[in-house]
Amino acid sequence: MVVGDDRGMMTSANVKRLRSRAQGYILGRQRRRSEEVYRCVDQAHTKGHWIEYSVGITAREKGHPPRTLVQEIESDAAAGRIFVVKSDERLDYERTQRLKAMQRVRTDLEALE
């Protein structure tokens, strides 16, 4: 059995449970909360050996499917392999969230005037 968890499910207890029960697992990490993740991302950007990952069914239906790039980076961690992923969809989502947050702040500041 191979288990995949999103970054919201990754707790120390869950990882320990997965390591003891699953034959394999894939975990996502939140980059904002981990210096280790920042180091991995920095290492990926310096190497520059990105592989374009094929898009899923819903992305193929779009006129211009978003790109997803993946890079495996070197790791001395015995826990497994580490991949860094860059996704056009994720970048668009984060950009939209930033713009919404900036608009909320702008509205609040204008209300103070």
PDB file of N, CA and C in Angstrom:
ATOM      1  N   MET A   1       0.842  -1.168   0.000  1.00  0.00           N
ATOM      2  CA  MET A   1       0.000   0.000   0.000  1.00  0.00           C
ATOM      3  C   MET A   1       0.893   1.239   0.000  1.00  0.00           C
ATOM      4  N   VAL A   2       0.611   2.166  -0.906  1.00  0.00           N
ATOM      5  CA  VAL A   2       1.303   3.450  -0.944  1.00  0.00           C
ATOM      6  C   VAL A   2       0.293   4.508  -0.554  1.00  0.00           C
ATOM      7  N   VAL A   3       0.686   5.384   0.365  1.00  0.00           N
ATOM      8  CA  VAL A   3      -0.205   6.412   0.894  1.00  0.00           C
ATOM      9  C   VAL A   3       0.302   7.776   0.445  1.00  0.00           C
ATOM     10  N   GLY A   4      -0.622   8.647   0.070  1.00  0.00           N
ATOM     11  CA  GLY A   4      -0.271  10.030  -0.264  1.00  0.00           C
ATOM     12  C   GLY A   4      -1.013  10.962   0.675  1.00  0.00           C
ATOM     13  N   ASP A   5      -0.317  11.871   1.315  1.00  0.00           N
ATOM     14  CA  ASP A   5      -0.926  12.849   2.220  1.00  0.00           C
ATOM     15  C   ASP A   5      -0.591  14.243   1.734  1.00  0.00           C
ATOM     16  N   ASP A   6      -1.549  15.158   1.904  1.00  0.00           N
ATOM     17  CA  ASP A   6      -1.232  16.547   1.583  1.00  0.00           C
ATOM     18  C   ASP A   6      -0.522  17.164   2.777  1.00  0.00           C
ATOM     19  N   ARG A   7      -0.048  18.369   2.593  1.00  0.00           N
ATOM     20  CA  ARG A   7       0.781  18.969   3.633  1.00  0.00           C
ATOM     21  C   ARG A   7       0.037  19.239   4.925  1.00  0.00           C
ATOM     22  N   GLY A   8      -1.284  19.334   4.885  1.00  0.00           N
ATOM     23  CA  GLY A   8      -2.062  19.553   6.094  1.00  0.00           C
ATOM     24  C   GLY A   8      -2.132  18.325   6.989  1.00  0.00           C
ATOM     25  N   MET A   9      -1.819  17.167   6.447  1.00  0.00           N
ATOM     26  CA  MET A   9      -1.885  15.910   7.206  1.00  0.00           C
ATOM     27  C   MET A   9      -0.551  15.536   7.840  1.00  0.00           C
ATOM     28  N   MET A  10       0.493  16.278   7.513  1.00  0.00           N
ATOM     29  CA  MET A  10       1.829  15.873   7.934  1.00  0.00           C
ATOM     30  C   MET A  10       2.132  16.326   9.356  1.00  0.00           C
ATOM     31  N   THR A  11       1.933  15.418  10.279  1.00  0.00           N
ATOM     32  CA  THR A  11       2.333  15.639  11.661  1.00  0.00           C
ATOM     33  C   THR A  11       3.369  14.576  12.007  1.00  0.00           C
ATOM     34  N   SER A  12       4.111  14.787  13.052  1.00  0.00           N
ATOM     35  CA  SER A  12       5.115  13.794  13.456  1.00  0.00           C
ATOM     36  C   SER A  12       4.468  12.446  13.720  1.00  0.00           C
ATOM     37  N   ALA A  13       3.302  12.463  14.374  1.00  0.00           N
ATOM     38  CA  ALA A  13       2.607  11.208  14.680  1.00  0.00           C
ATOM     39  C   ALA A  13       2.174  10.493  13.405  1.00  0.00           C
ATOM     40  N   ASN A  14       1.646  11.241  12.428  1.00  0.00           N
ATOM     41  CA  ASN A  14       1.212  10.628  11.171  1.00  0.00           C
ATOM     42  C   ASN A  14       2.386  10.042  10.399  1.00  0.00           C
ATOM     43  N   VAL A  15       3.509  10.754  10.360  1.00  0.00           N
ATOM     44  CA  VAL A  15       4.688  10.246   9.657  1.00  0.00           C
ATOM     45  C   VAL A  15       5.190   8.976  10.325  1.00  0.00           C
ATOM     46  N   LYS A  16       5.227   8.967  11.633  1.00  0.00           N
ATOM     47  CA  LYS A  16       5.674   7.779  12.369  1.00  0.00           C
ATOM     48  C   LYS A  16       4.754   6.595  12.058  1.00  0.00           C
ATOM     49  N   ARG A  17       3.456   6.848  12.043  1.00  0.00           N
ATOM     50  CA  ARG A  17       2.470   5.803  11.728  1.00  0.00           C
ATOM     51  C   ARG A  17       2.675   5.287  10.295  1.00  0.00           C
ATOM     52  N   LEU A  18       2.890   6.202   9.352  1.00  0.00           N
ATOM     53  CA  LEU A  18       3.108   5.796   7.964  1.00  0.00           C
ATOM     54  C   LEU A  18       4.360   4.934   7.829  1.00  0.00           C
ATOM     55  N   ARG A  19       5.430   5.352   8.471  1.00  0.00           N
ATOM     56  CA  ARG A  19       6.684   4.599   8.370  1.00  0.00           C
ATOM     57  C   ARG A  19       6.553   3.191   8.922  1.00  0.00           C
ATOM     58  N   SER A  20       5.696   3.013   9.902  1.00  0.00           N
ATOM     59  CA  SER A  20       5.553   1.687  10.502  1.00  0.00           C
ATOM     60  C   SER A  20       4.566   0.797   9.744  1.00  0.00           C
ATOM     61  N   ARG A  21       3.649   1.392   8.964  1.00  0.00           N
ATOM     62  CA  ARG A  21       2.587   0.592   8.336  1.00  0.00           C
ATOM     63  C   ARG A  21       2.605   0.566   6.815  1.00  0.00           C
ATOM     64  N   ALA A  22       2.964   1.647   6.182  1.00  0.00           N
ATOM     65  CA  ALA A  22       2.849   1.735   4.722  1.00  0.00           C
ATOM     66  C   ALA A  22       4.111   1.208   4.048  1.00  0.00           C
ATOM     67  N   GLN A  23       3.940   0.642   2.864  1.00  0.00           N
ATOM     68  CA  GLN A  23       5.091   0.200   2.082  1.00  0.00           C
ATOM     69  C   GLN A  23       5.763   1.388   1.402  1.00  0.00           C
ATOM     70  N   GLY A  24       5.022   2.436   1.211  1.00  0.00           N
ATOM     71  CA  GLY A  24       5.564   3.651   0.626  1.00  0.00           C
ATOM     72  C   GLY A  24       4.621   4.799   0.923  1.00  0.00           C
ATOM     73  N   TYR A  25       5.143   6.009   0.873  1.00  0.00           N
ATOM     74  CA  TYR A  25       4.287   7.162   1.111  1.00  0.00           C
ATOM     75  C   TYR A  25       4.861   8.380   0.422  1.00  0.00           C
ATOM     76  N   ILE A  26       3.964   9.303   0.122  1.00  0.00           N
ATOM     77  CA  ILE A  26       4.328  10.577  -0.493  1.00  0.00           C
ATOM     78  C   ILE A  26       3.735  11.667   0.387  1.00  0.00           C
ATOM     79  N   LEU A  27       4.566  12.619   0.777  1.00  0.00           N
ATOM     80  CA  LEU A  27       4.109  13.700   1.646  1.00  0.00           C
ATOM     81  C   LEU A  27       4.438  15.050   1.023  1.00  0.00           C
ATOM     82  N   GLY A  28       3.559  16.002   1.226  1.00  0.00           N
ATOM     83  CA  GLY A  28       3.832  17.378   0.836  1.00  0.00           C
ATOM     84  C   GLY A  28       4.275  18.153   2.064  1.00  0.00           C
ATOM     85  N   ARG A  29       5.157  19.125   1.870  1.00  0.00           N
ATOM     86  CA  ARG A  29       5.626  19.944   2.987  1.00  0.00           C
ATOM     87  C   ARG A  29       5.270  21.396   2.742  1.00  0.00           C
ATOM     88  N   GLN A  30       4.955  22.117   3.803  1.00  0.00           N
ATOM     89  CA  GLN A  30       4.715  23.551   3.708  1.00  0.00           C
ATOM     90  C   GLN A  30       6.051  24.269   3.735  1.00  0.00           C
ATOM     91  N   ARG A  31       6.321  25.034   2.703  1.00  0.00           N
ATOM     92  CA  ARG A  31       7.638  25.668   2.641  1.00  0.00           C
ATOM     93  C   ARG A  31       7.786  26.809   3.627  1.00  0.00           C
ATOM     94  N   ARG A  32       6.690  27.455   3.994  1.00  0.00           N
ATOM     95  CA  ARG A  32       6.792  28.610   4.890  1.00  0.00           C
ATOM     96  C   ARG A  32       7.218  28.222   6.301  1.00  0.00           C
ATOM     97  N   ARG A  33       7.061  26.990   6.646  1.00  0.00           N
ATOM     98  CA  ARG A  33       7.308  26.600   8.038  1.00  0.00           C
ATOM     99  C   ARG A  33       8.541  25.726   8.225  1.00  0.00           C
ATOM    100  N   SER A  34       9.385  25.642   7.226  1.00  0.00           N
ATOM    101  CA  SER A  34      10.491  24.712   7.358  1.00  0.00           C
ATOM    102  C   SER A  34      11.748  25.235   6.668  1.00  0.00           C
ATOM    103  N   GLU A  35      12.791  25.430   7.443  1.00  0.00           N
ATOM    104  CA  GLU A  35      14.079  25.822   6.873  1.00  0.00           C
ATOM    105  C   GLU A  35      14.599  24.732   5.947  1.00  0.00           C
ATOM    106  N   GLU A  36      14.317  23.472   6.301  1.00  0.00           N
ATOM    107  CA  GLU A  36      14.746  22.346   5.468  1.00  0.00           C
ATOM    108  C   GLU A  36      14.136  22.455   4.071  1.00  0.00           C
ATOM    109  N   VAL A  37      12.871  22.814   4.008  1.00  0.00           N
ATOM    110  CA  VAL A  37      12.208  22.943   2.707  1.00  0.00           C
ATOM    111  C   VAL A  37      12.827  24.094   1.921  1.00  0.00           C
ATOM    112  N   TYR A  38      13.104  25.216   2.565  1.00  0.00           N
ATOM    113  CA  TYR A  38      13.750  26.334   1.878  1.00  0.00           C
ATOM    114  C   TYR A  38      15.103  25.911   1.303  1.00  0.00           C
ATOM    115  N   ARG A  39      15.877  25.136   2.063  1.00  0.00           N
ATOM    116  CA  ARG A  39      17.169  24.660   1.557  1.00  0.00           C
ATOM    117  C   ARG A  39      16.972  23.774   0.329  1.00  0.00           C
ATOM    118  N   CYS A  40      15.956  22.915   0.353  1.00  0.00           N
ATOM    119  CA  CYS A  40      15.675  22.035  -0.793  1.00  0.00           C
ATOM    120  C   CYS A  40      15.299  22.848  -2.023  1.00  0.00           C
ATOM    121  N   VAL A  41      14.453  23.853  -1.835  1.00  0.00           N
ATOM    122  CA  VAL A  41      14.028  24.704  -2.950  1.00  0.00           C
ATOM    123  C   VAL A  41      15.224  25.469  -3.502  1.00  0.00           C
ATOM    124  N   ASP A  42      16.070  26.027  -2.614  1.00  0.00           N
ATOM    125  CA  ASP A  42      17.263  26.741  -3.064  1.00  0.00           C
ATOM    126  C   ASP A  42      18.178  25.819  -3.865  1.00  0.00           C
ATOM    127  N   GLN A  43      18.349  24.594  -3.382  1.00  0.00           N
ATOM    128  CA  GLN A  43      19.199  23.623  -4.067  1.00  0.00           C
ATOM    129  C   GLN A  43      18.634  23.323  -5.454  1.00  0.00           C
ATOM    130  N   ALA A  44      17.309  23.189  -5.562  1.00  0.00           N
ATOM    131  CA  ALA A  44      16.690  22.908  -6.855  1.00  0.00           C
ATOM    132  C   ALA A  44      16.900  24.066  -7.825  1.00  0.00           C
ATOM    133  N   HIS A  45      16.774  25.302  -7.339  1.00  0.00           N
ATOM    134  CA  HIS A  45      16.925  26.461  -8.215  1.00  0.00           C
ATOM    135  C   HIS A  45      18.367  26.626  -8.691  1.00  0.00           C
ATOM    136  N   THR A  46      19.327  26.192  -7.886  1.00  0.00           N
ATOM    137  CA  THR A  46      20.719  26.309  -8.320  1.00  0.00           C
ATOM    138  C   THR A  46      21.074  25.239  -9.331  1.00  0.00           C
ATOM    139  N   LYS A  47      20.489  24.074  -9.204  1.00  0.00           N
ATOM    140  CA  LYS A  47      20.784  22.993 -10.147  1.00  0.00           C
ATOM    141  C   LYS A  47      20.168  23.254 -11.518  1.00  0.00           C
ATOM    142  N   GLY A  48      18.896  23.587 -11.530  1.00  0.00           N
ATOM    143  CA  GLY A  48      18.234  23.912 -12.784  1.00  0.00           C
ATOM    144  C   GLY A  48      17.900  22.756 -13.700  1.00  0.00           C
ATOM    145  N   HIS A  49      17.914  21.524 -13.230  1.00  0.00           N
ATOM    146  CA  HIS A  49      17.589  20.356 -14.055  1.00  0.00           C
ATOM    147  C   HIS A  49      16.126  19.962 -13.860  1.00  0.00           C
ATOM    148  N   TRP A  50      15.233  20.768 -14.397  1.00  0.00           N
ATOM    149  CA  TRP A  50      13.802  20.531 -14.212  1.00  0.00           C
ATOM    150  C   TRP A  50      13.275  19.607 -15.307  1.00  0.00           C
ATOM    151  N   ILE A  51      12.360  18.730 -14.933  1.00  0.00           N
ATOM    152  CA  ILE A  51      11.701  17.831 -15.881  1.00  0.00           C
ATOM    153  C   ILE A  51      10.233  18.229 -15.941  1.00  0.00           C
ATOM    154  N   GLU A  52       9.717  18.408 -17.162  1.00  0.00           N
ATOM    155  CA  GLU A  52       8.308  18.760 -17.278  1.00  0.00           C
ATOM    156  C   GLU A  52       7.469  17.504 -17.074  1.00  0.00           C
ATOM    157  N   TYR A  53       6.525  17.619 -16.162  1.00  0.00           N
ATOM    158  CA  TYR A  53       5.650  16.506 -15.811  1.00  0.00           C
ATOM    159  C   TYR A  53       4.409  16.570 -16.683  1.00  0.00           C
ATOM    160  N   SER A  54       3.949  15.420 -17.157  1.00  0.00           N
ATOM    161  CA  SER A  54       2.766  15.419 -18.018  1.00  0.00           C
ATOM    162  C   SER A  54       1.539  15.857 -17.224  1.00  0.00           C
ATOM    163  N   VAL A  55       0.659  16.568 -17.896  1.00  0.00           N
ATOM    164  CA  VAL A  55      -0.513  17.135 -17.235  1.00  0.00           C
ATOM    165  C   VAL A  55      -1.592  16.083 -17.028  1.00  0.00           C
ATOM    166  N   GLY A  56      -2.490  16.363 -16.082  1.00  0.00           N
ATOM    167  CA  GLY A  56      -3.602  15.470 -15.798  1.00  0.00           C
ATOM    168  C   GLY A  56      -4.748  15.663 -16.778  1.00  0.00           C
ATOM    169  N   ILE A  57      -5.789  14.899 -16.630  1.00  0.00           N
ATOM    170  CA  ILE A  57      -6.932  14.920 -17.543  1.00  0.00           C
ATOM    171  C   ILE A  57      -7.574  16.303 -17.596  1.00  0.00           C
ATOM    172  N   THR A  58      -7.847  16.900 -16.450  1.00  0.00           N
ATOM    173  CA  THR A  58      -8.527  18.204 -16.463  1.00  0.00           C
ATOM    174  C   THR A  58      -7.648  19.271 -17.088  1.00  0.00           C
ATOM    175  N   ALA A  59      -6.345  19.203 -16.880  1.00  0.00           N
ATOM    176  CA  ALA A  59      -5.454  20.196 -17.468  1.00  0.00           C
ATOM    177  C   ALA A  59      -5.406  20.043 -18.987  1.00  0.00           C
ATOM    178  N   ARG A  60      -5.501  18.823 -19.499  1.00  0.00           N
ATOM    179  CA  ARG A  60      -5.473  18.600 -20.946  1.00  0.00           C
ATOM    180  C   ARG A  60      -6.682  19.229 -21.621  1.00  0.00           C
ATOM    181  N   GLU A  61      -7.772  19.343 -20.875  1.00  0.00           N
ATOM    182  CA  GLU A  61      -8.988  19.904 -21.451  1.00  0.00           C
ATOM    183  C   GLU A  61      -8.896  21.413 -21.635  1.00  0.00           C
ATOM    184  N   LYS A  62      -7.938  22.042 -21.008  1.00  0.00           N
ATOM    185  CA  LYS A  62      -7.774  23.495 -21.117  1.00  0.00           C
ATOM    186  C   LYS A  62      -7.063  23.836 -22.416  1.00  0.00           C
ATOM    187  N   GLY A  63      -7.328  25.049 -22.908  1.00  0.00           N
ATOM    188  CA  GLY A  63      -6.676  25.500 -24.138  1.00  0.00           C
ATOM    189  C   GLY A  63      -5.165  25.575 -24.002  1.00  0.00           C
ATOM    190  N   HIS A  64      -4.693  26.109 -22.903  1.00  0.00           N
ATOM    191  CA  HIS A  64      -3.263  26.198 -22.618  1.00  0.00           C
ATOM    192  C   HIS A  64      -3.018  25.520 -21.273  1.00  0.00           C
ATOM    193  N   PRO A  65      -2.743  24.222 -21.276  1.00  0.00           N
ATOM    194  CA  PRO A  65      -2.569  23.530 -19.997  1.00  0.00           C
ATOM    195  C   PRO A  65      -1.396  24.094 -19.203  1.00  0.00           C
ATOM    196  N   PRO A  66      -1.565  24.200 -17.895  1.00  0.00           N
ATOM    197  CA  PRO A  66      -0.477  24.724 -17.058  1.00  0.00           C
ATOM    198  C   PRO A  66       0.697  23.752 -17.034  1.00  0.00           C
ATOM    199  N   ARG A  67       1.876  24.316 -16.838  1.00  0.00           N
ATOM    200  CA  ARG A  67       3.076  23.466 -16.756  1.00  0.00           C
ATOM    201  C   ARG A  67       3.353  23.095 -15.314  1.00  0.00           C
ATOM    202  N   THR A  68       3.850  21.905 -15.128  1.00  0.00           N
ATOM    203  CA  THR A  68       4.334  21.460 -13.830  1.00  0.00           C
ATOM    204  C   THR A  68       5.736  20.906 -14.044  1.00  0.00           C
ATOM    205  N   LEU A  69       6.698  21.466 -13.319  1.00  0.00           N
ATOM    206  CA  LEU A  69       8.086  21.034 -13.423  1.00  0.00           C
ATOM    207  C   LEU A  69       8.492  20.346 -12.123  1.00  0.00           C
ATOM    208  N   VAL A  70       9.297  19.292 -12.253  1.00  0.00           N
ATOM    209  CA  VAL A  70       9.712  18.495 -11.095  1.00  0.00           C
ATOM    210  C   VAL A  70      11.222  18.302 -11.151  1.00  0.00           C
ATOM    211  N   GLN A  71      11.828  18.328  -9.971  1.00  0.00           N
ATOM    212  CA  GLN A  71      13.267  18.079  -9.884  1.00  0.00           C
ATOM    213  C   GLN A  71      13.562  17.267  -8.634  1.00  0.00           C
ATOM    214  N   GLU A  72      14.283  16.179  -8.802  1.00  0.00           N
ATOM    215  CA  GLU A  72      14.749  15.431  -7.637  1.00  0.00           C
ATOM    216  C   GLU A  72      16.054  16.072  -7.186  1.00  0.00           C
ATOM    217  N   ILE A  73      16.173  16.274  -5.879  1.00  0.00           N
ATOM    218  CA  ILE A  73      17.402  16.878  -5.363  1.00  0.00           C
ATOM    219  C   ILE A  73      18.138  15.886  -4.487  1.00  0.00           C
ATOM    220  N   GLU A  74      19.414  16.133  -4.337  1.00  0.00           N
ATOM    221  CA  GLU A  74      20.230  15.268  -3.494  1.00  0.00           C
ATOM    222  C   GLU A  74      19.842  15.428  -2.040  1.00  0.00           C
ATOM    223  N   SER A  75      19.868  14.319  -1.334  1.00  0.00           N
ATOM    224  CA  SER A  75      19.532  14.369   0.087  1.00  0.00           C
ATOM    225  C   SER A  75      20.295  13.290   0.823  1.00  0.00           C
ATOM    226  N   ASP A  76      20.743  13.636   2.011  1.00  0.00           N
ATOM    227  CA  ASP A  76      21.394  12.633   2.839  1.00  0.00           C
ATOM    228  C   ASP A  76      20.398  12.017   3.821  1.00  0.00           C
ATOM    229  N   ALA A  77      19.138  12.394   3.676  1.00  0.00           N
ATOM    230  CA  ALA A  77      18.101  11.874   4.563  1.00  0.00           C
ATOM    231  C   ALA A  77      17.849  10.408   4.241  1.00  0.00           C
ATOM    232  N   ALA A  78      17.854   9.588   5.263  1.00  0.00           N
ATOM    233  CA  ALA A  78      17.595   8.161   5.076  1.00  0.00           C
ATOM    234  C   ALA A  78      16.117   7.888   4.835  1.00  0.00           C
ATOM    235  N   ALA A  79      15.286   8.908   5.054  1.00  0.00           N
ATOM    236  CA  ALA A  79      13.840   8.716   4.963  1.00  0.00           C
ATOM    237  C   ALA A  79      13.353   8.501   3.541  1.00  0.00           C
ATOM    238  N   GLY A  80      14.081   8.960   2.552  1.00  0.00           N
ATOM    239  CA  GLY A  80      13.596   8.759   1.196  1.00  0.00           C
ATOM    240  C   GLY A  80      14.107   9.788   0.225  1.00  0.00           C
ATOM    241  N   ARG A  81      13.404   9.930  -0.868  1.00  0.00           N
ATOM    242  CA  ARG A  81      13.786  10.836  -1.936  1.00  0.00           C
ATOM    243  C   ARG A  81      13.023  12.150  -1.800  1.00  0.00           C
ATOM    244  N   ILE A  82      13.644  13.229  -2.269  1.00  0.00           N
ATOM    245  CA  ILE A  82      13.027  14.546  -2.166  1.00  0.00           C
ATOM    246  C   ILE A  82      12.876  15.134  -3.567  1.00  0.00           C
ATOM    247  N   PHE A  83      11.655  15.599  -3.856  1.00  0.00           N
ATOM    248  CA  PHE A  83      11.359  16.237  -5.130  1.00  0.00           C
ATOM    249  C   PHE A  83      10.839  17.642  -4.866  1.00  0.00           C
ATOM    250  N   VAL A  84      11.246  18.581  -5.695  1.00  0.00           N
ATOM    251  CA  VAL A  84      10.722  19.940  -5.645  1.00  0.00           C
ATOM    252  C   VAL A  84       9.849  20.107  -6.881  1.00  0.00           C
ATOM    253  N   VAL A  85       8.665  20.697  -6.682  1.00  0.00           N
ATOM    254  CA  VAL A  85       7.701  20.847  -7.771  1.00  0.00           C
ATOM    255  C   VAL A  85       7.372  22.319  -7.966  1.00  0.00           C
ATOM    256  N   LYS A  86       7.401  22.772  -9.224  1.00  0.00           N
ATOM    257  CA  LYS A  86       6.961  24.124  -9.586  1.00  0.00           C
ATOM    258  C   LYS A  86       5.743  23.965 -10.485  1.00  0.00           C
ATOM    259  N   SER A  87       4.666  24.620 -10.120  1.00  0.00           N
ATOM    260  CA  SER A  87       3.422  24.453 -10.858  1.00  0.00           C
ATOM    261  C   SER A  87       2.865  25.813 -11.265  1.00  0.00           C
ATOM    262  N   ASP A  88       2.532  25.960 -12.547  1.00  0.00           N
ATOM    263  CA  ASP A  88       1.891  27.196 -13.007  1.00  0.00           C
ATOM    264  C   ASP A  88       0.583  27.429 -12.269  1.00  0.00           C
ATOM    265  N   GLU A  89      -0.180  26.354 -12.049  1.00  0.00           N
ATOM    266  CA  GLU A  89      -1.460  26.496 -11.344  1.00  0.00           C
ATOM    267  C   GLU A  89      -1.255  27.021  -9.933  1.00  0.00           C
ATOM    268  N   ARG A  90      -0.250  26.490  -9.239  1.00  0.00           N
ATOM    269  CA  ARG A  90       0.012  26.927  -7.865  1.00  0.00           C
ATOM    270  C   ARG A  90       0.483  28.385  -7.847  1.00  0.00           C
ATOM    271  N   LEU A  91       1.352  28.748  -8.793  1.00  0.00           N
ATOM    272  CA  LEU A  91       1.816  30.134  -8.867  1.00  0.00           C
ATOM    273  C   LEU A  91       0.649  31.087  -9.103  1.00  0.00           C
ATOM    274  N   ASP A  92      -0.263  30.716 -10.001  1.00  0.00           N
ATOM    275  CA  ASP A  92      -1.448  31.545 -10.256  1.00  0.00           C
ATOM    276  C   ASP A  92      -2.310  31.671  -9.010  1.00  0.00           C
ATOM    277  N   TYR A  93      -2.500  30.557  -8.309  1.00  0.00           N
ATOM    278  CA  TYR A  93      -3.308  30.568  -7.084  1.00  0.00           C
ATOM    279  C   TYR A  93      -2.685  31.499  -6.044  1.00  0.00           C
ATOM    280  N   GLU A  94      -1.373  31.354  -5.821  1.00  0.00           N
ATOM    281  CA  GLU A  94      -0.696  32.180  -4.821  1.00  0.00           C
ATOM    282  C   GLU A  94      -0.728  33.658  -5.202  1.00  0.00           C
ATOM    283  N   ARG A  95      -0.571  33.960  -6.491  1.00  0.00           N
ATOM    284  CA  ARG A  95      -0.649  35.337  -6.962  1.00  0.00           C
ATOM    285  C   ARG A  95      -2.036  35.923  -6.684  1.00  0.00           C
ATOM    286  N   THR A  96      -3.079  35.152  -6.973  1.00  0.00           N
ATOM    287  CA  THR A  96      -4.450  35.598  -6.725  1.00  0.00           C
ATOM    288  C   THR A  96      -4.682  35.841  -5.240  1.00  0.00           C
ATOM    289  N   GLN A  97      -4.187  34.957  -4.381  1.00  0.00           N
ATOM    290  CA  GLN A  97      -4.342  35.120  -2.932  1.00  0.00           C
ATOM    291  C   GLN A  97      -3.634  36.378  -2.442  1.00  0.00           C
ATOM    292  N   ARG A  98      -2.422  36.645  -2.984  1.00  0.00           N
ATOM    293  CA  ARG A  98      -1.684  37.860  -2.605  1.00  0.00           C
ATOM    294  C   ARG A  98      -2.446  39.110  -3.010  1.00  0.00           C
ATOM    295  N   LEU A  99      -2.982  39.101  -4.234  1.00  0.00           N
ATOM    296  CA  LEU A  99      -3.729  40.267  -4.710  1.00  0.00           C
ATOM    297  C   LEU A  99      -4.984  40.504  -3.862  1.00  0.00           C
ATOM    298  N   LYS A 100      -5.669  39.434  -3.473  1.00  0.00           N
ATOM    299  CA  LYS A 100      -6.842  39.572  -2.603  1.00  0.00           C
ATOM    300  C   LYS A 100      -6.448  40.166  -1.253  1.00  0.00           C
ATOM    301  N   ALA A 101      -5.348  39.678  -0.692  1.00  0.00           N
ATOM    302  CA  ALA A 101      -4.890  40.180   0.611  1.00  0.00           C
ATOM    303  C   ALA A 101      -4.500  41.651   0.505  1.00  0.00           C
ATOM    304  N   MET A 102      -3.822  42.021  -0.573  1.00  0.00           N
ATOM    305  CA  MET A 102      -3.434  43.419  -0.747  1.00  0.00           C
ATOM    306  C   MET A 102      -4.668  44.305  -0.903  1.00  0.00           C
ATOM    307  N   GLN A 103      -5.679  43.814  -1.590  1.00  0.00           N
ATOM    308  CA  GLN A 103      -6.905  44.599  -1.749  1.00  0.00           C
ATOM    309  C   GLN A 103      -7.618  44.782  -0.409  1.00  0.00           C
ATOM    310  N   ARG A 104      -7.627  43.742   0.424  1.00  0.00           N
ATOM    311  CA  ARG A 104      -8.239  43.870   1.753  1.00  0.00           C
ATOM    312  C   ARG A 104      -7.523  44.930   2.581  1.00  0.00           C
ATOM    313  N   VAL A 105      -6.197  44.914   2.549  1.00  0.00           N
ATOM    314  CA  VAL A 105      -5.416  45.901   3.296  1.00  0.00           C
ATOM    315  C   VAL A 105      -5.675  47.298   2.740  1.00  0.00           C
ATOM    316  N   ARG A 106      -5.702  47.410   1.413  1.00  0.00           N
ATOM    317  CA  ARG A 106      -5.969  48.706   0.780  1.00  0.00           C
ATOM    318  C   ARG A 106      -7.329  49.244   1.217  1.00  0.00           C
ATOM    319  N   THR A 107      -8.339  48.386   1.218  1.00  0.00           N
ATOM    320  CA  THR A 107      -9.684  48.784   1.637  1.00  0.00           C
ATOM    321  C   THR A 107      -9.687  49.232   3.099  1.00  0.00           C
ATOM    322  N   ASP A 108      -9.000  48.467   3.953  1.00  0.00           N
ATOM    323  CA  ASP A 108      -8.924  48.840   5.367  1.00  0.00           C
ATOM    324  C   ASP A 108      -8.210  50.182   5.561  1.00  0.00           C
ATOM    325  N   LEU A 109      -7.127  50.406   4.817  1.00  0.00           N
ATOM    326  CA  LEU A 109      -6.396  51.666   4.923  1.00  0.00           C
ATOM    327  C   LEU A 109      -7.237  52.844   4.440  1.00  0.00           C
ATOM    328  N   GLU A 110      -7.969  52.632   3.364  1.00  0.00           N
ATOM    329  CA  GLU A 110      -8.838  53.701   2.847  1.00  0.00           C
ATOM    330  C   GLU A 110      -9.931  54.020   3.866  1.00  0.00           C
ATOM    331  N   ALA A 111     -10.408  53.005   4.584  1.00  0.00           N
ATOM    332  CA  ALA A 111     -11.431  53.232   5.595  1.00  0.00           C
ATOM    333  C   ALA A 111     -10.902  54.062   6.760  1.00  0.00           C
ATOM    334  N   LEU A 112      -9.600  53.981   7.035  1.00  0.00           N
ATOM    335  CA  LEU A 112      -8.989  54.761   8.107  1.00  0.00           C
ATOM    336  C   LEU A 112      -8.883  56.244   7.772  1.00  0.00           C
ATOM    337  N   GLU A 113      -8.845  56.556   6.472  1.00  0.00           N
ATOM    338  CA  GLU A 113      -8.733  57.968   6.068  1.00  0.00           C
ATOM    339  C   GLU A 113      -9.950  58.666   6.469  1.00  0.00           C
TER     340      GLU A 113
END
